[in-house]
PDB file of N, CA and C in Angstrom:
ATOM      1  N   UNK A   1       9.166  17.817   1.517  1.00  0.00           N
ATOM      2  CA  UNK A   1      10.358  17.145   1.907  1.00  0.00           C
ATOM      3  C   UNK A   1      10.192  16.435   3.353  1.00  0.00           C
ATOM      4  N   UNK A   2      10.600  15.438   3.618  1.00  0.00           N
ATOM      5  CA  UNK A   2      10.478  14.652   4.784  1.00  0.00           C
ATOM      6  C   UNK A   2      11.344  15.257   5.701  1.00  0.00           C
ATOM      7  N   UNK A   3      11.045  15.371   6.912  1.00  0.00           N
ATOM      8  CA  UNK A   3      11.886  15.955   8.102  1.00  0.00           C
ATOM      9  C   UNK A   3      12.880  14.870   8.457  1.00  0.00           C
ATOM     10  N   UNK A   4      14.034  15.250   9.006  1.00  0.00           N
ATOM     11  CA  UNK A   4      14.976  14.350   9.610  1.00  0.00           C
ATOM     12  C   UNK A   4      15.135  14.377  10.933  1.00  0.00           C
ATOM     13  N   UNK A   5      15.334  13.299  11.734  1.00  0.00           N
ATOM     14  CA  UNK A   5      15.580  13.314  13.183  1.00  0.00           C
ATOM     15  C   UNK A   5      16.780  12.390  13.353  1.00  0.00           C
ATOM     16  N   UNK A   6      17.348  12.460  14.444  1.00  0.00           N
ATOM     17  CA  UNK A   6      18.588  11.779  14.590  1.00  0.00           C
ATOM     18  C   UNK A   6      18.284  10.244  14.430  1.00  0.00           C
ATOM     19  N   UNK A   7      19.230   9.582  13.696  1.00  0.00           N
ATOM     20  CA  UNK A   7      19.117   8.215  13.310  1.00  0.00           C
ATOM     21  C   UNK A   7      19.251   7.276  14.550  1.00  0.00           C
ATOM     22  N   UNK A   8      19.847   7.717  15.661  1.00  0.00           N
ATOM     23  CA  UNK A   8      19.930   6.959  16.750  1.00  0.00           C
ATOM     24  C   UNK A   8      18.682   6.801  17.548  1.00  0.00           C
ATOM     25  N   UNK A   9      17.605   7.337  17.130  1.00  0.00           N
ATOM     26  CA  UNK A   9      16.352   7.395  17.991  1.00  0.00           C
ATOM     27  C   UNK A   9      15.480   6.674  17.049  1.00  0.00           C
ATOM     28  N   UNK A  10      15.815   5.703  16.137  1.00  0.00           N
ATOM     29  CA  UNK A  10      15.011   4.855  15.249  1.00  0.00           C
ATOM     30  C   UNK A  10      14.283   3.829  16.156  1.00  0.00           C
ATOM     31  N   UNK A  11      12.875   3.772  16.045  1.00  0.00           N
ATOM     32  CA  UNK A  11      12.215   2.682  16.774  1.00  0.00           C
ATOM     33  C   UNK A  11      12.366   1.172  16.316  1.00  0.00           C
ATOM     34  N   UNK A  12      12.641   0.430  17.380  1.00  0.00           N
ATOM     35  CA  UNK A  12      13.041  -1.018  16.983  1.00  0.00           C
ATOM     36  C   UNK A  12      11.750  -1.561  16.445  1.00  0.00           C
ATOM     37  N   UNK A  13      10.536  -1.201  16.858  1.00  0.00           N
ATOM     38  CA  UNK A  13       9.220  -1.873  16.326  1.00  0.00           C
ATOM     39  C   UNK A  13       9.036  -1.354  15.010  1.00  0.00           C
ATOM     40  N   UNK A  14       9.369  -0.036  14.562  1.00  0.00           N
ATOM     41  CA  UNK A  14       9.319   0.384  13.291  1.00  0.00           C
ATOM     42  C   UNK A  14      10.278  -0.401  12.217  1.00  0.00           C
ATOM     43  N   UNK A  15      11.572  -0.534  12.769  1.00  0.00           N
ATOM     44  CA  UNK A  15      12.444  -1.498  12.020  1.00  0.00           C
ATOM     45  C   UNK A  15      11.966  -2.949  11.742  1.00  0.00           C
ATOM     46  N   UNK A  16      11.417  -3.441  12.793  1.00  0.00           N
ATOM     47  CA  UNK A  16      10.835  -4.883  12.546  1.00  0.00           C
ATOM     48  C   UNK A  16       9.731  -4.759  11.532  1.00  0.00           C
ATOM     49  N   UNK A  17       8.773  -3.818  11.652  1.00  0.00           N
ATOM     50  CA  UNK A  17       7.826  -3.670  10.517  1.00  0.00           C
ATOM     51  C   UNK A  17       8.300  -3.528   9.130  1.00  0.00           C
ATOM     52  N   UNK A  18       9.420  -2.812   9.053  1.00  0.00           N
ATOM     53  CA  UNK A  18      10.010  -2.293   7.787  1.00  0.00           C
ATOM     54  C   UNK A  18      10.598  -3.738   7.310  1.00  0.00           C
ATOM     55  N   UNK A  19      11.194  -4.383   8.228  1.00  0.00           N
ATOM     56  CA  UNK A  19      11.958  -5.693   7.718  1.00  0.00           C
ATOM     57  C   UNK A  19      10.980  -6.720   7.305  1.00  0.00           C
ATOM     58  N   UNK A  20       9.762  -6.776   8.042  1.00  0.00           N
ATOM     59  CA  UNK A  20       8.704  -7.746   7.584  1.00  0.00           C
ATOM     60  C   UNK A  20       8.037  -7.334   6.225  1.00  0.00           C
ATOM     61  N   UNK A  21       7.851  -6.078   6.112  1.00  0.00           N
ATOM     62  CA  UNK A  21       7.142  -5.599   4.922  1.00  0.00           C
ATOM     63  C   UNK A  21       8.056  -5.637   3.710  1.00  0.00           C
ATOM     64  N   UNK A  22       9.447  -5.351   3.886  1.00  0.00           N
ATOM     65  CA  UNK A  22      10.322  -5.708   2.888  1.00  0.00           C
ATOM     66  C   UNK A  22      10.506  -6.980   2.421  1.00  0.00           C
ATOM     67  N   UNK A  23      10.500  -7.825   3.357  1.00  0.00           N
ATOM     68  CA  UNK A  23      10.633  -9.420   3.213  1.00  0.00           C
ATOM     69  C   UNK A  23       9.404  -9.953   2.291  1.00  0.00           C
ATOM     70  N   UNK A  24       8.355  -9.369   2.655  1.00  0.00           N
ATOM     71  CA  UNK A  24       7.014  -9.821   2.021  1.00  0.00           C
ATOM     72  C   UNK A  24       6.728  -9.055   0.720  1.00  0.00           C
ATOM     73  N   UNK A  25       7.256  -7.934   0.581  1.00  0.00           N
ATOM     74  CA  UNK A  25       6.919  -6.812  -0.471  1.00  0.00           C
ATOM     75  C   UNK A  25       5.527  -6.678  -0.331  1.00  0.00           C
ATOM     76  N   UNK A  26       4.865  -6.461   0.908  1.00  0.00           N
ATOM     77  CA  UNK A  26       3.596  -6.294   0.959  1.00  0.00           C
ATOM     78  C   UNK A  26       3.321  -5.735   2.474  1.00  0.00           C
ATOM     79  N   UNK A  27       2.627  -4.688   2.571  1.00  0.00           N
ATOM     80  CA  UNK A  27       2.064  -4.224   3.820  1.00  0.00           C
ATOM     81  C   UNK A  27       1.015  -5.166   4.488  1.00  0.00           C
ATOM     82  N   UNK A  28       0.192  -5.723   3.566  1.00  0.00           N
ATOM     83  CA  UNK A  28      -0.848  -6.625   3.862  1.00  0.00           C
ATOM     84  C   UNK A  28      -0.243  -7.880   4.484  1.00  0.00           C
ATOM     85  N   UNK A  29       0.635  -8.584   3.800  1.00  0.00           N
ATOM     86  CA  UNK A  29       1.127  -9.807   4.292  1.00  0.00           C
ATOM     87  C   UNK A  29       2.071  -9.479   5.567  1.00  0.00           C
ATOM     88  N   UNK A  30       2.722  -8.215   5.741  1.00  0.00           N
ATOM     89  CA  UNK A  30       3.294  -7.890   6.897  1.00  0.00           C
ATOM     90  C   UNK A  30       2.318  -7.681   7.952  1.00  0.00           C
ATOM     91  N   UNK A  31       1.268  -7.114   7.706  1.00  0.00           N
ATOM     92  CA  UNK A  31       0.237  -6.951   8.918  1.00  0.00           C
ATOM     93  C   UNK A  31      -0.210  -8.372   9.328  1.00  0.00           C
ATOM     94  N   UNK A  32      -0.374  -9.189   8.380  1.00  0.00           N
ATOM     95  CA  UNK A  32      -0.957 -10.641   8.849  1.00  0.00           C
ATOM     96  C   UNK A  32       0.181 -11.352   9.760  1.00  0.00           C
ATOM     97  N   UNK A  33       1.332 -11.180   9.256  1.00  0.00           N
ATOM     98  CA  UNK A  33       2.445 -11.903   9.947  1.00  0.00           C
ATOM     99  C   UNK A  33       2.491 -11.282  11.467  1.00  0.00           C
ATOM    100  N   UNK A  34       2.454  -9.782  11.627  1.00  0.00           N
ATOM    101  CA  UNK A  34       2.708  -9.234  12.818  1.00  0.00           C
ATOM    102  C   UNK A  34       1.233  -8.910  13.546  1.00  0.00           C
ATOM    103  N   UNK A  35       0.141  -9.572  13.203  1.00  0.00           N
ATOM    104  CA  UNK A  35      -1.121  -9.632  13.693  1.00  0.00           C
ATOM    105  C   UNK A  35      -1.553  -8.162  13.952  1.00  0.00           C
ATOM    106  N   UNK A  36      -1.464  -7.237  13.161  1.00  0.00           N
ATOM    107  CA  UNK A  36      -1.821  -5.896  13.094  1.00  0.00           C
ATOM    108  C   UNK A  36      -2.548  -5.418  11.789  1.00  0.00           C
ATOM    109  N   UNK A  37      -2.999  -4.372  11.874  1.00  0.00           N
ATOM    110  CA  UNK A  37      -3.989  -4.001  10.469  1.00  0.00           C
ATOM    111  C   UNK A  37      -2.858  -3.532   9.560  1.00  0.00           C
ATOM    112  N   UNK A  38      -3.320  -3.536   8.183  1.00  0.00           N
ATOM    113  CA  UNK A  38      -2.373  -3.098   7.205  1.00  0.00           C
ATOM    114  C   UNK A  38      -2.237  -1.383   7.527  1.00  0.00           C
ATOM    115  N   UNK A  39      -3.134  -0.795   7.979  1.00  0.00           N
ATOM    116  CA  UNK A  39      -3.152   0.733   8.342  1.00  0.00           C
ATOM    117  C   UNK A  39      -2.078   0.863   9.338  1.00  0.00           C
ATOM    118  N   UNK A  40      -1.848   0.060  10.336  1.00  0.00           N
ATOM    119  CA  UNK A  40      -0.914   0.057  11.450  1.00  0.00           C
ATOM    120  C   UNK A  40       0.655  -0.027  10.797  1.00  0.00           C
ATOM    121  N   UNK A  41       0.517  -0.922   9.913  1.00  0.00           N
ATOM    122  CA  UNK A  41       2.027  -1.165   9.171  1.00  0.00           C
ATOM    123  C   UNK A  41       2.221   0.137   8.421  1.00  0.00           C
ATOM    124  N   UNK A  42       1.343   0.650   7.564  1.00  0.00           N
ATOM    125  CA  UNK A  42       1.494   1.823   6.777  1.00  0.00           C
ATOM    126  C   UNK A  42       1.984   2.962   7.686  1.00  0.00           C
ATOM    127  N   UNK A  43       1.351   3.190   8.858  1.00  0.00           N
ATOM    128  CA  UNK A  43       1.703   4.183   9.879  1.00  0.00           C
ATOM    129  C   UNK A  43       3.212   3.991  10.338  1.00  0.00           C
ATOM    130  N   UNK A  44       3.535   2.987  10.763  1.00  0.00           N
ATOM    131  CA  UNK A  44       4.923   2.584  11.160  1.00  0.00           C
ATOM    132  C   UNK A  44       5.914   2.919  10.125  1.00  0.00           C
ATOM    133  N   UNK A  45       5.697   2.507   8.959  1.00  0.00           N
ATOM    134  CA  UNK A  45       6.510   2.901   7.842  1.00  0.00           C
ATOM    135  C   UNK A  45       6.664   4.249   7.610  1.00  0.00           C
ATOM    136  N   UNK A  46       5.536   4.941   7.519  1.00  0.00           N
ATOM    137  CA  UNK A  46       5.441   6.422   7.386  1.00  0.00           C
ATOM    138  C   UNK A  46       6.250   7.088   8.415  1.00  0.00           C
ATOM    139  N   UNK A  47       6.264   6.669   9.749  1.00  0.00           N
ATOM    140  CA  UNK A  47       6.915   7.306  10.915  1.00  0.00           C
ATOM    141  C   UNK A  47       8.390   6.975  10.658  1.00  0.00           C
ATOM    142  N   UNK A  48       8.827   5.763  10.248  1.00  0.00           N
ATOM    143  CA  UNK A  48      10.059   5.573  10.027  1.00  0.00           C
ATOM    144  C   UNK A  48      10.654   6.315   8.693  1.00  0.00           C
ATOM    145  N   UNK A  49       9.961   6.522   7.770  1.00  0.00           N
ATOM    146  CA  UNK A  49      10.300   7.406   6.629  1.00  0.00           C
ATOM    147  C   UNK A  49      10.573   8.816   7.108  1.00  0.00           C
ATOM    148  N   UNK A  50       9.667   9.397   7.854  1.00  0.00           N
ATOM    149  CA  UNK A  50       9.826  10.571   8.445  1.00  0.00           C
ATOM    150  C   UNK A  50      11.165  10.800   9.159  1.00  0.00           C
ATOM    151  N   UNK A  51      11.391   9.866  10.043  1.00  0.00           N
ATOM    152  CA  UNK A  51      12.671   9.842  10.949  1.00  0.00           C
ATOM    153  C   UNK A  51      14.018   9.844   9.990  1.00  0.00           C
ATOM    154  N   UNK A  52      13.836   9.094   8.957  1.00  0.00           N
ATOM    155  CA  UNK A  52      15.072   8.681   8.239  1.00  0.00           C
ATOM    156  C   UNK A  52      15.239   9.932   6.962  1.00  0.00           C
ATOM    157  N   UNK A  53      13.954  10.525   6.837  1.00  0.00           N
ATOM    158  CA  UNK A  53      13.875  11.629   5.748  1.00  0.00           C
ATOM    159  C   UNK A  53      14.038  11.006   4.314  1.00  0.00           C
ATOM    160  N   UNK A  54      13.651   9.693   4.189  1.00  0.00           N
ATOM    161  CA  UNK A  54      13.759   9.210   2.940  1.00  0.00           C
ATOM    162  C   UNK A  54      12.530   8.182   2.766  1.00  0.00           C
ATOM    163  N   UNK A  55      11.900   8.159   1.394  1.00  0.00           N
ATOM    164  CA  UNK A  55      10.975   7.024   1.074  1.00  0.00           C
ATOM    165  C   UNK A  55      11.537   5.711   1.175  1.00  0.00           C
ATOM    166  N   UNK A  56      10.981   4.781   1.769  1.00  0.00           N
ATOM    167  CA  UNK A  56      11.409   3.461   1.912  1.00  0.00           C
ATOM    168  C   UNK A  56      10.765   2.515   0.943  1.00  0.00           C
ATOM    169  N   UNK A  57       9.644   2.810   0.400  1.00  0.00           N
ATOM    170  CA  UNK A  57       8.676   2.014  -0.516  1.00  0.00           C
ATOM    171  C   UNK A  57       8.125   2.870  -1.447  1.00  0.00           C
ATOM    172  N   UNK A  58       7.932   2.314  -2.687  1.00  0.00           N
ATOM    173  CA  UNK A  58       7.289   3.187  -3.767  1.00  0.00           C
ATOM    174  C   UNK A  58       5.829   2.647  -3.782  1.00  0.00           C
ATOM    175  N   UNK A  59       4.991   3.584  -3.551  1.00  0.00           N
ATOM    176  CA  UNK A  59       3.478   3.183  -3.421  1.00  0.00           C
ATOM    177  C   UNK A  59       2.983   3.686  -4.778  1.00  0.00           C
ATOM    178  N   UNK A  60       2.609   2.782  -5.468  1.00  0.00           N
ATOM    179  CA  UNK A  60       1.996   3.035  -7.048  1.00  0.00           C
ATOM    180  C   UNK A  60       0.807   2.369  -7.289  1.00  0.00           C
ATOM    181  N   UNK A  61       0.013   1.835  -6.153  1.00  0.00           N
ATOM    182  CA  UNK A  61      -1.304   1.280  -6.353  1.00  0.00           C
ATOM    183  C   UNK A  61      -2.429   2.133  -7.047  1.00  0.00           C
ATOM    184  N   UNK A  62      -2.410   3.352  -6.498  1.00  0.00           N
ATOM    185  CA  UNK A  62      -3.634   4.211  -7.031  1.00  0.00           C
ATOM    186  C   UNK A  62      -3.068   4.548  -8.523  1.00  0.00           C
ATOM    187  N   UNK A  63      -1.866   4.740  -8.811  1.00  0.00           N
ATOM    188  CA  UNK A  63      -1.432   5.188 -10.191  1.00  0.00           C
ATOM    189  C   UNK A  63      -1.695   3.977 -11.148  1.00  0.00           C
ATOM    190  N   UNK A  64      -1.476   2.669 -10.680  1.00  0.00           N
ATOM    191  CA  UNK A  64      -1.808   1.519 -11.500  1.00  0.00           C
ATOM    192  C   UNK A  64      -3.263   1.235 -11.583  1.00  0.00           C
ATOM    193  N   UNK A  65      -3.991   1.650 -10.746  1.00  0.00           N
ATOM    194  CA  UNK A  65      -5.567   1.594 -10.981  1.00  0.00           C
ATOM    195  C   UNK A  65      -5.961   2.742 -11.785  1.00  0.00           C
ATOM    196  N   UNK A  66      -5.258   3.930 -11.866  1.00  0.00           N
ATOM    197  CA  UNK A  66      -5.598   4.829 -12.972  1.00  0.00           C
ATOM    198  C   UNK A  66      -5.423   4.561 -14.224  1.00  0.00           C
ATOM    199  N   UNK A  67      -4.223   3.694 -14.569  1.00  0.00           N
ATOM    200  CA  UNK A  67      -3.804   3.407 -15.809  1.00  0.00           C
ATOM    201  C   UNK A  67      -4.663   2.170 -16.279  1.00  0.00           C
ATOM    202  N   UNK A  68      -5.143   1.444 -15.387  1.00  0.00           N
ATOM    203  CA  UNK A  68      -6.061   0.460 -15.782  1.00  0.00           C
ATOM    204  C   UNK A  68      -7.507   0.862 -16.153  1.00  0.00           C
ATOM    205  N   UNK A  69      -7.781   1.843 -15.547  1.00  0.00           N
ATOM    206  CA  UNK A  69      -9.078   2.458 -15.733  1.00  0.00           C
ATOM    207  C   UNK A  69      -8.984   3.179 -17.220  1.00  0.00           C
ATOM    208  N   UNK A  70      -8.065   3.740 -17.481  1.00  0.00           N
ATOM    209  CA  UNK A  70      -7.808   4.382 -18.750  1.00  0.00           C
ATOM    210  C   UNK A  70      -7.791   3.457 -19.912  1.00  0.00           C
ATOM    211  N   UNK A  71      -7.074   2.330 -19.543  1.00  0.00           N
ATOM    212  CA  UNK A  71      -7.109   1.163 -20.629  1.00  0.00           C
ATOM    213  C   UNK A  71      -8.396   0.473 -20.887  1.00  0.00           C
ATOM    214  N   UNK A  72      -9.279   0.665 -19.729  1.00  0.00           N
ATOM    215  CA  UNK A  72     -10.629   0.066 -19.764  1.00  0.00           C
ATOM    216  C   UNK A  72     -11.536   0.856 -20.880  1.00  0.00           C
ATOM    217  N   UNK A  73     -11.360   2.098 -20.952  1.00  0.00           N
ATOM    218  CA  UNK A  73     -12.070   3.113 -21.838  1.00  0.00           C
ATOM    219  C   UNK A  73     -11.883   2.795 -23.202  1.00  0.00           C
ATOM    220  N   UNK A  74     -10.754   2.103 -23.543  1.00  0.00           N
ATOM    221  CA  UNK A  74     -10.662   1.575 -25.079  1.00  0.00           C
ATOM    222  C   UNK A  74     -11.074   0.422 -25.424  1.00  0.00           C
ATOM    223  N   UNK A  75     -11.693  -0.411 -24.346  1.00  0.00           N
ATOM    224  CA  UNK A  75     -12.184  -1.729 -24.702  1.00  0.00           C
ATOM    225  C   UNK A  75     -13.718  -1.662 -25.007  1.00  0.00           C
ATOM    226  N   UNK A  76     -14.006  -2.484 -26.038  1.00  0.00           N
ATOM    227  CA  UNK A  76     -15.467  -2.719 -26.179  1.00  0.00           C
ATOM    228  C   UNK A  76     -16.217  -3.095 -25.066  1.00  0.00           C
ATOM    229  N   UNK A  77     -17.514  -2.443 -24.955  1.00  0.00           N
ATOM    230  CA  UNK A  77     -18.226  -2.682 -23.625  1.00  0.00           C
ATOM    231  C   UNK A  77     -18.749  -4.329 -23.461  1.00  0.00           C
ATOM    232  N   UNK A  78     -18.670  -5.104 -24.276  1.00  0.00           N
ATOM    233  CA  UNK A  78     -18.892  -6.594 -24.074  1.00  0.00           C
ATOM    234  C   UNK A  78     -17.722  -7.335 -23.599  1.00  0.00           C
ATOM    235  N   UNK A  79     -16.537  -6.712 -23.679  1.00  0.00           N
ATOM    236  CA  UNK A  79     -15.397  -7.600 -23.276  1.00  0.00           C
ATOM    237  C   UNK A  79     -15.464  -7.749 -21.748  1.00  0.00           C
ATOM    238  N   UNK A  80     -14.959  -8.873 -21.241  1.00  0.00           N
ATOM    239  CA  UNK A  80     -15.053  -9.077 -19.773  1.00  0.00           C
ATOM    240  C   UNK A  80     -13.545  -8.597 -19.316  1.00  0.00           C
ATOM    241  N   UNK A  81     -13.471  -8.106 -17.953  1.00  0.00           N
ATOM    242  CA  UNK A  81     -12.302  -7.539 -17.499  1.00  0.00           C
ATOM    243  C   UNK A  81     -12.031  -8.501 -16.144  1.00  0.00           C
ATOM    244  N   UNK A  82     -10.908  -8.360 -15.759  1.00  0.00           N
ATOM    245  CA  UNK A  82     -10.539  -8.953 -14.346  1.00  0.00           C
ATOM    246  C   UNK A  82      -9.739  -7.747 -13.710  1.00  0.00           C
ATOM    247  N   UNK A  83     -10.028  -7.653 -12.463  1.00  0.00           N
ATOM    248  CA  UNK A  83      -9.434  -6.574 -11.636  1.00  0.00           C
ATOM    249  C   UNK A  83      -8.834  -7.306 -10.291  1.00  0.00           C
ATOM    250  N   UNK A  84      -7.624  -6.877  -9.901  1.00  0.00           N
ATOM    251  CA  UNK A  84      -7.022  -7.411  -8.778  1.00  0.00           C
ATOM    252  C   UNK A  84      -6.523  -6.252  -8.000  1.00  0.00           C
ATOM    253  N   UNK A  85      -6.903  -6.192  -6.705  1.00  0.00           N
ATOM    254  CA  UNK A  85      -6.583  -4.983  -5.947  1.00  0.00           C
ATOM    255  C   UNK A  85      -6.541  -5.588  -4.611  1.00  0.00           C
ATOM    256  N   UNK A  86      -5.836  -4.759  -3.617  1.00  0.00           N
ATOM    257  CA  UNK A  86      -5.821  -5.179  -2.203  1.00  0.00           C
ATOM    258  C   UNK A  86      -6.861  -5.386  -1.531  1.00  0.00           C
ATOM    259  N   UNK A  87      -7.073  -6.241  -0.537  1.00  0.00           N
ATOM    260  CA  UNK A  87      -8.296  -6.502   0.155  1.00  0.00           C
ATOM    261  C   UNK A  87      -9.028  -5.062   0.573  1.00  0.00           C
ATOM    262  N   UNK A  88      -8.177  -4.279   1.027  1.00  0.00           N
ATOM    263  CA  UNK A  88      -8.880  -2.910   1.605  1.00  0.00           C
ATOM    264  C   UNK A  88      -9.391  -2.216   0.441  1.00  0.00           C
ATOM    265  N   UNK A  89      -8.979  -2.262  -0.801  1.00  0.00           N
ATOM    266  CA  UNK A  89      -9.629  -1.571  -2.090  1.00  0.00           C
ATOM    267  C   UNK A  89     -10.607  -2.417  -2.563  1.00  0.00           C
ATOM    268  N   UNK A  90     -10.757  -3.767  -2.391  1.00  0.00           N
ATOM    269  CA  UNK A  90     -11.694  -4.585  -2.951  1.00  0.00           C
ATOM    270  C   UNK A  90     -13.060  -4.271  -2.127  1.00  0.00           C
ATOM    271  N   UNK A  91     -12.855  -4.159  -0.777  1.00  0.00           N
ATOM    272  CA  UNK A  91     -14.058  -3.905  -0.111  1.00  0.00           C
ATOM    273  C   UNK A  91     -14.750  -2.683  -0.512  1.00  0.00           C
ATOM    274  N   UNK A  92     -13.924  -1.642  -0.975  1.00  0.00           N
ATOM    275  CA  UNK A  92     -14.528  -0.288  -1.120  1.00  0.00           C
ATOM    276  C   UNK A  92     -15.146  -0.484  -2.671  1.00  0.00           C
ATOM    277  N   UNK A  93     -14.247  -1.258  -3.550  1.00  0.00           N
ATOM    278  CA  UNK A  93     -14.692  -1.290  -4.887  1.00  0.00           C
ATOM    279  C   UNK A  93     -16.034  -2.232  -5.172  1.00  0.00           C
ATOM    280  N   UNK A  94     -16.125  -3.362  -4.226  1.00  0.00           N
ATOM    281  CA  UNK A  94     -17.296  -4.227  -4.516  1.00  0.00           C
ATOM    282  C   UNK A  94     -18.532  -3.358  -4.089  1.00  0.00           C
ATOM    283  N   UNK A  95     -18.641  -2.502  -3.263  1.00  0.00           N
ATOM    284  CA  UNK A  95     -19.772  -1.764  -2.939  1.00  0.00           C
ATOM    285  C   UNK A  95     -20.094  -0.937  -4.210  1.00  0.00           C
ATOM    286  N   UNK A  96     -19.315  -0.436  -5.092  1.00  0.00           N
ATOM    287  CA  UNK A  96     -19.621   0.322  -6.152  1.00  0.00           C
ATOM    288  C   UNK A  96     -19.563  -0.306  -7.567  1.00  0.00           C
ATOM    289  N   UNK A  97     -19.226  -1.563  -7.552  1.00  0.00           N
ATOM    290  CA  UNK A  97     -19.280  -2.135  -8.991  1.00  0.00           C
ATOM    291  C   UNK A  97     -20.694  -2.262  -9.542  1.00  0.00           C
ATOM    292  N   UNK A  98     -21.584  -2.453  -8.791  1.00  0.00           N
ATOM    293  CA  UNK A  98     -23.133  -2.484  -9.399  1.00  0.00           C
ATOM    294  C   UNK A  98     -23.356  -1.427  -9.977  1.00  0.00           C
ATOM    295  N   UNK A  99     -23.136  -0.133  -9.490  1.00  0.00           N
ATOM    296  CA  UNK A  99     -23.533   1.112 -10.071  1.00  0.00           C
ATOM    297  C   UNK A  99     -22.686   1.377 -11.292  1.00  0.00           C
ATOM    298  N   UNK A 100     -21.472   0.816 -11.344  1.00  0.00           N
ATOM    299  CA  UNK A 100     -20.679   0.902 -12.633  1.00  0.00           C
ATOM    300  C   UNK A 100     -21.198   0.220 -13.783  1.00  0.00           C
TER     301      UNK A 100
END
């Protein structure tokens, strides 16, 4: 469970990051607009969530990737696939695709 702290101590920068992330529905796009890394946005959101005691975003990227991999197991080997992932995951994935 997330810990709660007085709401009067909410960081203004964290709220700005939240607003930008919510407007774009993307940590990556918010990071681009704010000229920071995606990780910095994620950290600000996590800190804001901890102060509020509530999750502000549903993070389902890894679950969706798992569902996609499960679906791939039922496809014939010769069928082409298309994968769309965030840029941070694509850098990780591209290095491993050849071995796959």
